[in-house]
PDB file of N, CA and C in Angstrom:
ATOM      1  N   MET A   1     -17.826 -22.910 -13.572  1.00  0.00           N
ATOM      2  CA  MET A   1     -17.372 -21.290 -13.459  1.00  0.00           C
ATOM      3  C   MET A   1     -17.440 -20.856 -14.904  1.00  0.00           C
ATOM      4  N   ASP A   2     -18.004 -19.711 -15.015  1.00  0.00           N
ATOM      5  CA  ASP A   2     -18.319 -19.197 -16.487  1.00  0.00           C
ATOM      6  C   ASP A   2     -17.129 -17.940 -16.632  1.00  0.00           C
ATOM      7  N   VAL A   3     -16.393 -18.546 -17.530  1.00  0.00           N
ATOM      8  CA  VAL A   3     -15.029 -17.726 -17.689  1.00  0.00           C
ATOM      9  C   VAL A   3     -15.243 -16.629 -18.820  1.00  0.00           C
ATOM     10  N   GLY A   4     -16.527 -16.591 -19.425  1.00  0.00           N
ATOM     11  CA  GLY A   4     -16.742 -15.465 -20.585  1.00  0.00           C
ATOM     12  C   GLY A   4     -16.288 -15.624 -21.969  1.00  0.00           C
ATOM     13  N   VAL A   5     -15.081 -16.391 -22.107  1.00  0.00           N
ATOM     14  CA  VAL A   5     -14.635 -16.742 -23.263  1.00  0.00           C
ATOM     15  C   VAL A   5     -14.147 -18.039 -23.470  1.00  0.00           C
ATOM     16  N   SER A   6     -14.690 -18.843 -24.212  1.00  0.00           N
ATOM     17  CA  SER A   6     -14.156 -20.231 -24.640  1.00  0.00           C
ATOM     18  C   SER A   6     -12.906 -20.120 -25.169  1.00  0.00           C
ATOM     19  N   ARG A   7     -12.252 -21.207 -25.124  1.00  0.00           N
ATOM     20  CA  ARG A   7     -10.846 -21.648 -25.672  1.00  0.00           C
ATOM     21  C   ARG A   7     -10.730 -21.213 -27.183  1.00  0.00           C
ATOM     22  N   GLU A   8     -11.909 -21.728 -27.854  1.00  0.00           N
ATOM     23  CA  GLU A   8     -11.932 -21.389 -29.242  1.00  0.00           C
ATOM     24  C   GLU A   8     -11.833 -19.813 -29.554  1.00  0.00           C
ATOM     25  N   GLN A   9     -12.922 -19.344 -28.743  1.00  0.00           N
ATOM     26  CA  GLN A   9     -12.657 -17.893 -28.852  1.00  0.00           C
ATOM     27  C   GLN A   9     -11.227 -16.987 -28.626  1.00  0.00           C
ATOM     28  N   PHE A  10     -10.786 -17.436 -27.450  1.00  0.00           N
ATOM     29  CA  PHE A  10      -9.472 -17.163 -27.188  1.00  0.00           C
ATOM     30  C   PHE A  10      -8.607 -17.314 -28.210  1.00  0.00           C
ATOM     31  N   HIS A  11      -8.391 -18.604 -28.700  1.00  0.00           N
ATOM     32  CA  HIS A  11      -7.650 -19.082 -30.035  1.00  0.00           C
ATOM     33  C   HIS A  11      -7.795 -17.954 -31.054  1.00  0.00           C
ATOM     34  N   ARG A  12      -9.095 -17.667 -31.222  1.00  0.00           N
ATOM     35  CA  ARG A  12      -9.248 -17.026 -32.411  1.00  0.00           C
ATOM     36  C   ARG A  12      -8.712 -15.253 -32.207  1.00  0.00           C
ATOM     37  N   LEU A  13      -8.909 -14.889 -30.791  1.00  0.00           N
ATOM     38  CA  LEU A  13      -8.330 -13.630 -30.592  1.00  0.00           C
ATOM     39  C   LEU A  13      -6.781 -13.827 -30.811  1.00  0.00           C
ATOM     40  N   ILE A  14      -6.232 -14.760 -30.137  1.00  0.00           N
ATOM     41  CA  ILE A  14      -4.795 -14.555 -30.694  1.00  0.00           C
ATOM     42  C   ILE A  14      -4.344 -14.903 -31.871  1.00  0.00           C
ATOM     43  N   ASP A  15      -5.148 -15.602 -32.601  1.00  0.00           N
ATOM     44  CA  ASP A  15      -4.695 -15.655 -34.109  1.00  0.00           C
ATOM     45  C   ASP A  15      -4.968 -14.350 -34.809  1.00  0.00           C
ATOM     46  N   ASP A  16      -5.848 -13.366 -34.351  1.00  0.00           N
ATOM     47  CA  ASP A  16      -6.029 -11.864 -34.945  1.00  0.00           C
ATOM     48  C   ASP A  16      -5.118 -11.061 -34.395  1.00  0.00           C
ATOM     49  N   LEU A  17      -4.174 -11.148 -33.395  1.00  0.00           N
ATOM     50  CA  LEU A  17      -3.295 -10.230 -32.792  1.00  0.00           C
ATOM     51  C   LEU A  17      -2.263  -9.993 -33.802  1.00  0.00           C
ATOM     52  N   PRO A  18      -1.778  -8.699 -33.969  1.00  0.00           N
ATOM     53  CA  PRO A  18      -0.647  -8.708 -34.680  1.00  0.00           C
ATOM     54  C   PRO A  18       0.801  -9.311 -34.241  1.00  0.00           C
ATOM     55  N   ALA A  19       1.691  -9.480 -35.152  1.00  0.00           N
ATOM     56  CA  ALA A  19       2.557 -10.502 -34.597  1.00  0.00           C
ATOM     57  C   ALA A  19       3.298  -9.559 -33.514  1.00  0.00           C
ATOM     58  N   GLU A  20       3.554  -8.342 -33.705  1.00  0.00           N
ATOM     59  CA  GLU A  20       4.296  -7.662 -32.833  1.00  0.00           C
ATOM     60  C   GLU A  20       3.972  -7.669 -31.356  1.00  0.00           C
ATOM     61  N   LYS A  21       2.599  -7.914 -31.242  1.00  0.00           N
ATOM     62  CA  LYS A  21       1.994  -7.863 -29.787  1.00  0.00           C
ATOM     63  C   LYS A  21       2.148  -9.558 -29.029  1.00  0.00           C
ATOM     64  N   LEU A  22       2.639 -10.432 -29.992  1.00  0.00           N
ATOM     65  CA  LEU A  22       2.578 -11.673 -29.296  1.00  0.00           C
ATOM     66  C   LEU A  22       3.552 -12.197 -28.257  1.00  0.00           C
ATOM     67  N   PRO A  23       4.651 -11.541 -28.236  1.00  0.00           N
ATOM     68  CA  PRO A  23       5.727 -11.678 -27.325  1.00  0.00           C
ATOM     69  C   PRO A  23       4.917 -11.048 -25.785  1.00  0.00           C
ATOM     70  N   SER A  24       4.357 -10.137 -25.856  1.00  0.00           N
ATOM     71  CA  SER A  24       3.729  -9.641 -24.663  1.00  0.00           C
ATOM     72  C   SER A  24       2.705 -10.318 -24.216  1.00  0.00           C
ATOM     73  N   VAL A  25       1.835 -10.889 -25.082  1.00  0.00           N
ATOM     74  CA  VAL A  25       0.638 -11.741 -24.553  1.00  0.00           C
ATOM     75  C   VAL A  25       1.296 -13.149 -23.942  1.00  0.00           C
ATOM     76  N   ALA A  26       2.333 -13.633 -24.587  1.00  0.00           N
ATOM     77  CA  ALA A  26       3.064 -14.740 -24.259  1.00  0.00           C
ATOM     78  C   ALA A  26       3.446 -14.681 -22.635  1.00  0.00           C
ATOM     79  N   LYS A  27       4.020 -13.482 -22.646  1.00  0.00           N
ATOM     80  CA  LYS A  27       4.804 -13.074 -21.096  1.00  0.00           C
ATOM     81  C   LYS A  27       3.589 -13.115 -20.324  1.00  0.00           C
ATOM     82  N   LEU A  28       2.524 -12.424 -20.565  1.00  0.00           N
ATOM     83  CA  LEU A  28       1.283 -12.273 -19.640  1.00  0.00           C
ATOM     84  C   LEU A  28       0.841 -13.805 -19.408  1.00  0.00           C
ATOM     85  N   ILE A  29       0.686 -14.405 -20.437  1.00  0.00           N
ATOM     86  CA  ILE A  29       0.199 -15.576 -20.059  1.00  0.00           C
ATOM     87  C   ILE A  29       1.213 -16.753 -19.195  1.00  0.00           C
ATOM     88  N   ARG A  30       2.461 -16.535 -19.513  1.00  0.00           N
ATOM     89  CA  ARG A  30       3.487 -17.398 -18.668  1.00  0.00           C
ATOM     90  C   ARG A  30       3.152 -16.983 -17.175  1.00  0.00           C
ATOM     91  N   ILE A  31       3.173 -15.348 -16.996  1.00  0.00           N
ATOM     92  CA  ILE A  31       2.914 -15.102 -15.665  1.00  0.00           C
ATOM     93  C   ILE A  31       1.395 -15.565 -14.982  1.00  0.00           C
ATOM     94  N   LEU A  32       0.479 -15.729 -15.888  1.00  0.00           N
ATOM     95  CA  LEU A  32      -0.695 -16.256 -15.222  1.00  0.00           C
ATOM     96  C   LEU A  32      -0.557 -17.640 -15.199  1.00  0.00           C
ATOM     97  N   VAL A  33       0.130 -18.364 -15.705  1.00  0.00           N
ATOM     98  CA  VAL A  33       0.137 -20.040 -15.322  1.00  0.00           C
ATOM     99  C   VAL A  33       1.249 -20.441 -14.460  1.00  0.00           C
ATOM    100  N   ASP A  34       1.979 -19.450 -14.083  1.00  0.00           N
ATOM    101  CA  ASP A  34       3.191 -19.830 -13.524  1.00  0.00           C
ATOM    102  C   ASP A  34       2.692 -20.319 -11.957  1.00  0.00           C
ATOM    103  N   GLU A  35       3.229 -21.618 -11.803  1.00  0.00           N
ATOM    104  CA  GLU A  35       2.738 -22.010 -10.638  1.00  0.00           C
ATOM    105  C   GLU A  35       4.064 -22.216  -9.474  1.00  0.00           C
ATOM    106  N   ASP A  36       4.915 -21.316  -9.592  1.00  0.00           N
ATOM    107  CA  ASP A  36       5.986 -21.178  -8.678  1.00  0.00           C
ATOM    108  C   ASP A  36       5.704 -21.119  -7.432  1.00  0.00           C
ATOM    109  N   ASP A  37       5.629 -21.835  -6.488  1.00  0.00           N
ATOM    110  CA  ASP A  37       5.001 -21.396  -5.012  1.00  0.00           C
ATOM    111  C   ASP A  37       6.214 -21.626  -4.059  1.00  0.00           C
ATOM    112  N   GLU A  38       7.364 -21.614  -4.865  1.00  0.00           N
ATOM    113  CA  GLU A  38       8.582 -21.892  -3.693  1.00  0.00           C
ATOM    114  C   GLU A  38       8.674 -20.349  -2.873  1.00  0.00           C
ATOM    115  N   PRO A  39       8.781 -20.446  -1.929  1.00  0.00           N
ATOM    116  CA  PRO A  39       9.241 -19.260  -0.923  1.00  0.00           C
ATOM    117  C   PRO A  39      10.440 -18.396  -1.375  1.00  0.00           C
ATOM    118  N   ILE A  40      10.508 -17.201  -1.230  1.00  0.00           N
ATOM    119  CA  ILE A  40      11.576 -16.316  -1.875  1.00  0.00           C
ATOM    120  C   ILE A  40      12.741 -16.549  -0.718  1.00  0.00           C
ATOM    121  N   SER A  41      14.027 -16.627  -1.161  1.00  0.00           N
ATOM    122  CA  SER A  41      15.225 -16.723  -0.117  1.00  0.00           C
ATOM    123  C   SER A  41      15.206 -15.418   0.254  1.00  0.00           C
ATOM    124  N   ALA A  42      16.258 -15.369   1.432  1.00  0.00           N
ATOM    125  CA  ALA A  42      16.644 -14.157   2.349  1.00  0.00           C
ATOM    126  C   ALA A  42      17.301 -13.370   1.251  1.00  0.00           C
ATOM    127  N   GLU A  43      18.063 -13.820   0.655  1.00  0.00           N
ATOM    128  CA  GLU A  43      18.664 -13.047  -0.375  1.00  0.00           C
ATOM    129  C   GLU A  43      17.729 -12.175  -1.338  1.00  0.00           C
ATOM    130  N   GLU A  44      16.564 -12.921  -2.037  1.00  0.00           N
ATOM    131  CA  GLU A  44      15.671 -12.275  -2.889  1.00  0.00           C
ATOM    132  C   GLU A  44      14.943 -11.336  -2.028  1.00  0.00           C
ATOM    133  N   LEU A  45      14.524 -11.463  -0.751  1.00  0.00           N
ATOM    134  CA  LEU A  45      14.043 -10.570  -0.043  1.00  0.00           C
ATOM    135  C   LEU A  45      14.619  -9.420   0.457  1.00  0.00           C
ATOM    136  N   SER A  46      15.757  -9.278   0.466  1.00  0.00           N
ATOM    137  CA  SER A  46      16.853  -8.487   0.878  1.00  0.00           C
ATOM    138  C   SER A  46      17.066  -7.502  -0.465  1.00  0.00           C
ATOM    139  N   GLN A  47      16.990  -8.171  -1.474  1.00  0.00           N
ATOM    140  CA  GLN A  47      17.217  -7.370  -2.797  1.00  0.00           C
ATOM    141  C   GLN A  47      15.788  -6.634  -3.039  1.00  0.00           C
ATOM    142  N   HIS A  48      14.698  -7.252  -2.922  1.00  0.00           N
ATOM    143  CA  HIS A  48      13.265  -6.664  -3.105  1.00  0.00           C
ATOM    144  C   HIS A  48      13.432  -5.544  -2.216  1.00  0.00           C
ATOM    145  N   LEU A  49      13.570  -5.653  -0.798  1.00  0.00           N
ATOM    146  CA  LEU A  49      13.244  -4.471   0.110  1.00  0.00           C
ATOM    147  C   LEU A  49      14.368  -3.300  -0.166  1.00  0.00           C
ATOM    148  N   ARG A  50      15.900  -3.606  -0.414  1.00  0.00           N
ATOM    149  CA  ARG A  50      16.645  -2.463  -1.199  1.00  0.00           C
ATOM    150  C   ARG A  50      16.079  -1.815  -2.366  1.00  0.00           C
ATOM    151  N   ILE A  51      15.541  -2.715  -3.271  1.00  0.00           N
ATOM    152  CA  ILE A  51      15.008  -1.890  -4.552  1.00  0.00           C
ATOM    153  C   ILE A  51      13.736  -1.018  -4.323  1.00  0.00           C
ATOM    154  N   ARG A  52      13.051  -1.443  -3.481  1.00  0.00           N
ATOM    155  CA  ARG A  52      11.826  -0.696  -3.017  1.00  0.00           C
ATOM    156  C   ARG A  52      12.325   0.463  -2.053  1.00  0.00           C
ATOM    157  N   ASP A  53      13.199   0.376  -1.404  1.00  0.00           N
ATOM    158  CA  ASP A  53      13.641   1.678  -0.439  1.00  0.00           C
ATOM    159  C   ASP A  53      14.365   2.656  -1.267  1.00  0.00           C
ATOM    160  N   GLU A  54      14.783   2.103  -2.344  1.00  0.00           N
ATOM    161  CA  GLU A  54      15.628   2.938  -3.407  1.00  0.00           C
ATOM    162  C   GLU A  54      14.498   3.822  -4.441  1.00  0.00           C
ATOM    163  N   MET A  55      13.471   3.220  -4.535  1.00  0.00           N
ATOM    164  CA  MET A  55      12.533   3.755  -5.428  1.00  0.00           C
ATOM    165  C   MET A  55      11.703   4.695  -4.680  1.00  0.00           C
ATOM    166  N   LEU A  56      11.415   4.312  -3.212  1.00  0.00           N
ATOM    167  CA  LEU A  56      10.840   5.416  -2.332  1.00  0.00           C
ATOM    168  C   LEU A  56      11.674   6.526  -2.002  1.00  0.00           C
ATOM    169  N   LEU A  57      12.800   6.418  -2.080  1.00  0.00           N
ATOM    170  CA  LEU A  57      13.967   7.657  -2.111  1.00  0.00           C
ATOM    171  C   LEU A  57      14.089   8.368  -3.259  1.00  0.00           C
ATOM    172  N   GLY A  58      13.470   8.017  -4.473  1.00  0.00           N
ATOM    173  CA  GLY A  58      13.155   8.364  -5.945  1.00  0.00           C
ATOM    174  C   GLY A  58      14.560   8.056  -6.755  1.00  0.00           C
ATOM    175  N   LYS A  59      15.229   7.095  -6.327  1.00  0.00           N
ATOM    176  CA  LYS A  59      16.404   6.654  -7.102  1.00  0.00           C
ATOM    177  C   LYS A  59      15.891   5.319  -7.919  1.00  0.00           C
ATOM    178  N   TYR A  60      15.278   6.033  -9.187  1.00  0.00           N
ATOM    179  CA  TYR A  60      14.869   5.241 -10.296  1.00  0.00           C
ATOM    180  C   TYR A  60      14.981   5.973 -11.411  1.00  0.00           C
ATOM    181  N   VAL A  61      14.865   5.191 -12.489  1.00  0.00           N
ATOM    182  CA  VAL A  61      14.846   5.745 -13.648  1.00  0.00           C
ATOM    183  C   VAL A  61      13.552   5.453 -14.496  1.00  0.00           C
ATOM    184  N   THR A  62      12.740   6.251 -15.230  1.00  0.00           N
ATOM    185  CA  THR A  62      11.532   5.924 -15.545  1.00  0.00           C
ATOM    186  C   THR A  62      11.710   5.069 -16.866  1.00  0.00           C
ATOM    187  N   ALA A  63      10.739   4.253 -17.415  1.00  0.00           N
ATOM    188  CA  ALA A  63      10.817   4.035 -18.939  1.00  0.00           C
ATOM    189  C   ALA A  63      10.780   4.775 -19.764  1.00  0.00           C
ATOM    190  N   ASP A  64      10.271   6.045 -19.606  1.00  0.00           N
ATOM    191  CA  ASP A  64      10.344   7.113 -20.724  1.00  0.00           C
ATOM    192  C   ASP A  64      11.605   7.706 -20.809  1.00  0.00           C
ATOM    193  N   LYS A  65      12.401   7.616 -19.980  1.00  0.00           N
ATOM    194  CA  LYS A  65      13.720   8.030 -19.641  1.00  0.00           C
ATOM    195  C   LYS A  65      14.751   7.092 -20.537  1.00  0.00           C
ATOM    196  N   VAL A  66      14.441   5.947 -20.271  1.00  0.00           N
ATOM    197  CA  VAL A  66      15.066   4.691 -20.698  1.00  0.00           C
ATOM    198  C   VAL A  66      15.195   4.932 -22.171  1.00  0.00           C
ATOM    199  N   PHE A  67      13.867   4.851 -22.778  1.00  0.00           N
ATOM    200  CA  PHE A  67      13.639   4.772 -24.068  1.00  0.00           C
ATOM    201  C   PHE A  67      13.539   5.927 -25.077  1.00  0.00           C
ATOM    202  N   SER A  68      13.834   7.012 -23.924  1.00  0.00           N
ATOM    203  CA  SER A  68      14.204   8.337 -25.127  1.00  0.00           C
ATOM    204  C   SER A  68      15.685   8.568 -25.341  1.00  0.00           C
ATOM    205  N   GLU A  69      16.411   7.646 -24.406  1.00  0.00           N
ATOM    206  CA  GLU A  69      17.981   7.593 -24.859  1.00  0.00           C
ATOM    207  C   GLU A  69      18.422   6.722 -25.800  1.00  0.00           C
ATOM    208  N   ARG A  70      17.653   6.016 -26.577  1.00  0.00           N
ATOM    209  CA  ARG A  70      17.889   5.080 -27.689  1.00  0.00           C
ATOM    210  C   ARG A  70      18.214   5.664 -28.773  1.00  0.00           C
TER     211      ARG A  70
END
């Protein structure tokens, strides 16, 4: 499989990143390699559906609003 970037090239890309971007990249990589295949619990599903319904009703705060209040 052609991945387009070798591990060495990827390491160089990481080395060239500004330090303040490293936490975001680390989080993304953790998400990509997460192998948690456990089914979600009934409680987690209920919470997800409640949050989704609240968002559909417009009951949410945008990131812009959160960060503008700092």
